[in-house]
Amino acid sequence: MDELTRKQLNRQDFVDNEIFDLIRRLLPQSTPLEWDIEMIATVREAIRIHLMDRSIITSEQRFYPYLKI
């Protein structure tokens, strides 16, 4: 597998956008927030740890698809 499928890319976009929206909703109103993939990745990793490492709810690849190098 040399590249992610459209479905996998859509899943990545969905997860990243949902995390960004959550962070925005948690901030006081009118607090400006620019897209920051490092911040999103930090939150995503915390979610991954809780969902996969501690509870085995789903696979890591199903939660956030990626290419193995």
N, C-alpha and C. Protein backbone atom coordinates (compact mmCIF):
# COMPACT_ATOMS: atom_id res chain seq x y z
N MET A 1 0.85 -1.18 0.00
CA MET A 1 0.00 0.00 0.00
C MET A 1 0.89 1.24 0.00
N ASP A 2 0.82 2.01 -1.08
CA ASP A 2 1.67 3.18 -1.21
C ASP A 2 0.97 4.48 -0.82
N GLU A 3 -0.33 4.47 -0.79
CA GLU A 3 -1.06 5.68 -0.42
C GLU A 3 -2.39 5.30 0.21
N LEU A 4 -2.93 6.23 0.96
CA LEU A 4 -4.21 5.99 1.61
C LEU A 4 -5.33 6.06 0.58
N THR A 5 -6.38 5.30 0.84
CA THR A 5 -7.55 5.36 -0.03
C THR A 5 -8.34 6.63 0.25
N ARG A 6 -9.25 6.97 -0.63
CA ARG A 6 -10.11 8.13 -0.43
C ARG A 6 -10.90 7.97 0.88
N LYS A 7 -11.38 6.77 1.16
CA LYS A 7 -12.13 6.50 2.39
C LYS A 7 -11.26 6.76 3.62
N GLN A 8 -10.01 6.33 3.58
CA GLN A 8 -9.09 6.54 4.70
C GLN A 8 -8.78 8.02 4.89
N LEU A 9 -8.57 8.73 3.79
CA LEU A 9 -8.32 10.17 3.87
C LEU A 9 -9.53 10.91 4.43
N ASN A 10 -10.71 10.49 4.01
CA ASN A 10 -11.93 11.09 4.54
C ASN A 10 -12.05 10.85 6.04
N ARG A 11 -11.66 9.67 6.48
CA ARG A 11 -11.70 9.36 7.91
C ARG A 11 -10.72 10.26 8.67
N GLN A 12 -9.52 10.43 8.15
CA GLN A 12 -8.55 11.33 8.79
C GLN A 12 -9.12 12.75 8.90
N ASP A 13 -9.67 13.23 7.80
CA ASP A 13 -10.26 14.58 7.80
C ASP A 13 -11.38 14.68 8.83
N PHE A 14 -12.22 13.67 8.89
CA PHE A 14 -13.33 13.67 9.83
C PHE A 14 -12.83 13.76 11.27
N VAL A 15 -11.88 12.90 11.62
CA VAL A 15 -11.35 12.88 12.99
C VAL A 15 -10.69 14.22 13.33
N ASP A 16 -9.85 14.72 12.46
CA ASP A 16 -9.16 15.99 12.73
C ASP A 16 -10.16 17.15 12.86
N ASN A 17 -11.15 17.19 11.99
CA ASN A 17 -12.14 18.25 12.05
C ASN A 17 -13.00 18.17 13.32
N GLU A 18 -13.36 16.97 13.72
CA GLU A 18 -14.16 16.80 14.93
C GLU A 18 -13.36 17.24 16.17
N ILE A 19 -12.09 16.90 16.21
CA ILE A 19 -11.24 17.31 17.33
C ILE A 19 -11.11 18.83 17.36
N PHE A 20 -10.89 19.44 16.20
CA PHE A 20 -10.78 20.89 16.13
C PHE A 20 -12.09 21.56 16.59
N ASP A 21 -13.21 21.03 16.14
CA ASP A 21 -14.51 21.58 16.55
C ASP A 21 -14.72 21.44 18.05
N LEU A 22 -14.32 20.32 18.61
CA LEU A 22 -14.45 20.12 20.06
C LEU A 22 -13.62 21.16 20.82
N ILE A 23 -12.39 21.35 20.40
CA ILE A 23 -11.52 22.33 21.07
C ILE A 23 -12.15 23.72 20.98
N ARG A 24 -12.66 24.07 19.81
CA ARG A 24 -13.31 25.39 19.64
C ARG A 24 -14.52 25.53 20.55
N ARG A 25 -15.32 24.48 20.68
CA ARG A 25 -16.51 24.54 21.54
C ARG A 25 -16.15 24.65 23.01
N LEU A 26 -15.00 24.12 23.39
CA LEU A 26 -14.58 24.17 24.79
C LEU A 26 -14.03 25.53 25.19
N LEU A 27 -13.60 26.30 24.22
CA LEU A 27 -13.06 27.63 24.51
C LEU A 27 -14.19 28.63 24.76
N PRO A 28 -13.92 29.66 25.55
CA PRO A 28 -14.92 30.72 25.71
C PRO A 28 -15.28 31.30 24.34
N GLN A 29 -16.52 31.73 24.21
CA GLN A 29 -16.96 32.30 22.93
C GLN A 29 -16.07 33.45 22.50
N SER A 30 -15.95 33.59 21.24
CA SER A 30 -15.17 34.63 20.56
C SER A 30 -13.66 34.52 20.80
N THR A 31 -13.20 33.39 21.33
CA THR A 31 -11.76 33.17 21.45
C THR A 31 -11.25 32.70 20.08
N PRO A 32 -10.36 33.44 19.46
CA PRO A 32 -9.88 33.03 18.14
C PRO A 32 -9.02 31.77 18.24
N LEU A 33 -9.19 30.91 17.28
CA LEU A 33 -8.40 29.68 17.24
C LEU A 33 -8.11 29.34 15.80
N GLU A 34 -6.84 29.28 15.47
CA GLU A 34 -6.43 28.88 14.13
C GLU A 34 -6.16 27.38 14.11
N TRP A 35 -6.30 26.82 12.92
CA TRP A 35 -6.03 25.40 12.71
C TRP A 35 -4.59 25.12 13.12
N ASP A 36 -4.40 24.14 14.00
CA ASP A 36 -3.07 23.78 14.48
C ASP A 36 -2.99 22.26 14.53
N ILE A 37 -2.41 21.66 13.52
CA ILE A 37 -2.39 20.21 13.42
C ILE A 37 -1.59 19.57 14.55
N GLU A 38 -0.61 20.27 15.10
CA GLU A 38 0.14 19.71 16.23
C GLU A 38 -0.76 19.59 17.46
N MET A 39 -1.57 20.61 17.72
CA MET A 39 -2.51 20.57 18.83
C MET A 39 -3.55 19.46 18.60
N ILE A 40 -4.05 19.38 17.38
CA ILE A 40 -5.04 18.36 17.04
C ILE A 40 -4.42 16.97 17.22
N ALA A 41 -3.19 16.79 16.78
CA ALA A 41 -2.52 15.50 16.90
C ALA A 41 -2.30 15.11 18.35
N THR A 42 -2.03 16.08 19.21
CA THR A 42 -1.86 15.80 20.63
C THR A 42 -3.15 15.27 21.24
N VAL A 43 -4.26 15.92 20.90
CA VAL A 43 -5.56 15.47 21.40
C VAL A 43 -5.91 14.11 20.80
N ARG A 44 -5.64 13.95 19.50
CA ARG A 44 -5.91 12.68 18.83
C ARG A 44 -5.14 11.54 19.49
N GLU A 45 -3.90 11.78 19.85
CA GLU A 45 -3.09 10.75 20.50
C GLU A 45 -3.65 10.39 21.87
N ALA A 46 -4.12 11.38 22.61
CA ALA A 46 -4.73 11.09 23.92
C ALA A 46 -5.99 10.24 23.74
N ILE A 47 -6.78 10.56 22.74
CA ILE A 47 -7.98 9.76 22.46
C ILE A 47 -7.59 8.35 22.06
N ARG A 48 -6.58 8.25 21.20
CA ARG A 48 -6.13 6.93 20.75
C ARG A 48 -5.70 6.08 21.93
N ILE A 49 -4.95 6.66 22.85
CA ILE A 49 -4.47 5.91 24.02
C ILE A 49 -5.65 5.37 24.81
N HIS A 50 -6.64 6.19 25.04
CA HIS A 50 -7.79 5.75 25.83
C HIS A 50 -8.67 4.76 25.09
N LEU A 51 -8.87 4.97 23.80
CA LEU A 51 -9.75 4.07 23.05
C LEU A 51 -9.09 2.75 22.69
N MET A 52 -7.84 2.80 22.31
CA MET A 52 -7.19 1.59 21.83
C MET A 52 -6.34 0.90 22.89
N ASP A 53 -5.46 1.64 23.52
CA ASP A 53 -4.52 1.02 24.44
C ASP A 53 -5.18 0.54 25.73
N ARG A 54 -6.18 1.26 26.20
CA ARG A 54 -6.79 0.92 27.48
C ARG A 54 -8.07 0.13 27.37
N SER A 55 -8.77 0.24 26.25
CA SER A 55 -10.09 -0.36 26.17
C SER A 55 -10.30 -1.29 24.98
N ILE A 56 -9.44 -1.22 23.99
CA ILE A 56 -9.57 -2.02 22.77
C ILE A 56 -10.98 -1.89 22.19
N ILE A 57 -11.41 -0.65 21.96
CA ILE A 57 -12.72 -0.39 21.38
C ILE A 57 -12.69 -0.59 19.87
N THR A 58 -11.61 -0.18 19.25
CA THR A 58 -11.44 -0.31 17.81
C THR A 58 -9.95 -0.37 17.51
N SER A 59 -9.63 -0.68 16.28
CA SER A 59 -8.22 -0.72 15.92
C SER A 59 -7.72 0.70 15.65
N GLU A 60 -6.44 0.88 15.78
CA GLU A 60 -5.83 2.18 15.52
C GLU A 60 -6.05 2.58 14.07
N GLN A 61 -5.93 1.64 13.15
CA GLN A 61 -6.10 1.93 11.73
C GLN A 61 -7.54 2.32 11.40
N ARG A 62 -8.51 1.76 12.11
CA ARG A 62 -9.90 2.14 11.86
C ARG A 62 -10.20 3.50 12.46
N PHE A 63 -9.57 3.82 13.59
CA PHE A 63 -9.78 5.12 14.21
C PHE A 63 -9.15 6.22 13.37
N TYR A 64 -7.88 6.05 13.00
CA TYR A 64 -7.16 7.07 12.23
C TYR A 64 -6.18 6.36 11.30
N PRO A 65 -6.62 6.08 10.07
CA PRO A 65 -5.76 5.34 9.14
C PRO A 65 -4.45 6.07 8.85
N TYR A 66 -3.41 5.29 8.66
CA TYR A 66 -2.09 5.84 8.33
C TYR A 66 -1.30 4.80 7.56
N LEU A 67 -0.25 5.26 6.91
CA LEU A 67 0.64 4.34 6.20
C LEU A 67 1.73 3.86 7.14
N LYS A 68 2.02 2.58 7.10
CA LYS A 68 3.12 2.05 7.89
C LYS A 68 4.40 2.19 7.09
N ILE A 69 5.41 2.76 7.73
CA ILE A 69 6.67 2.99 7.04
C ILE A 69 7.67 1.91 7.40
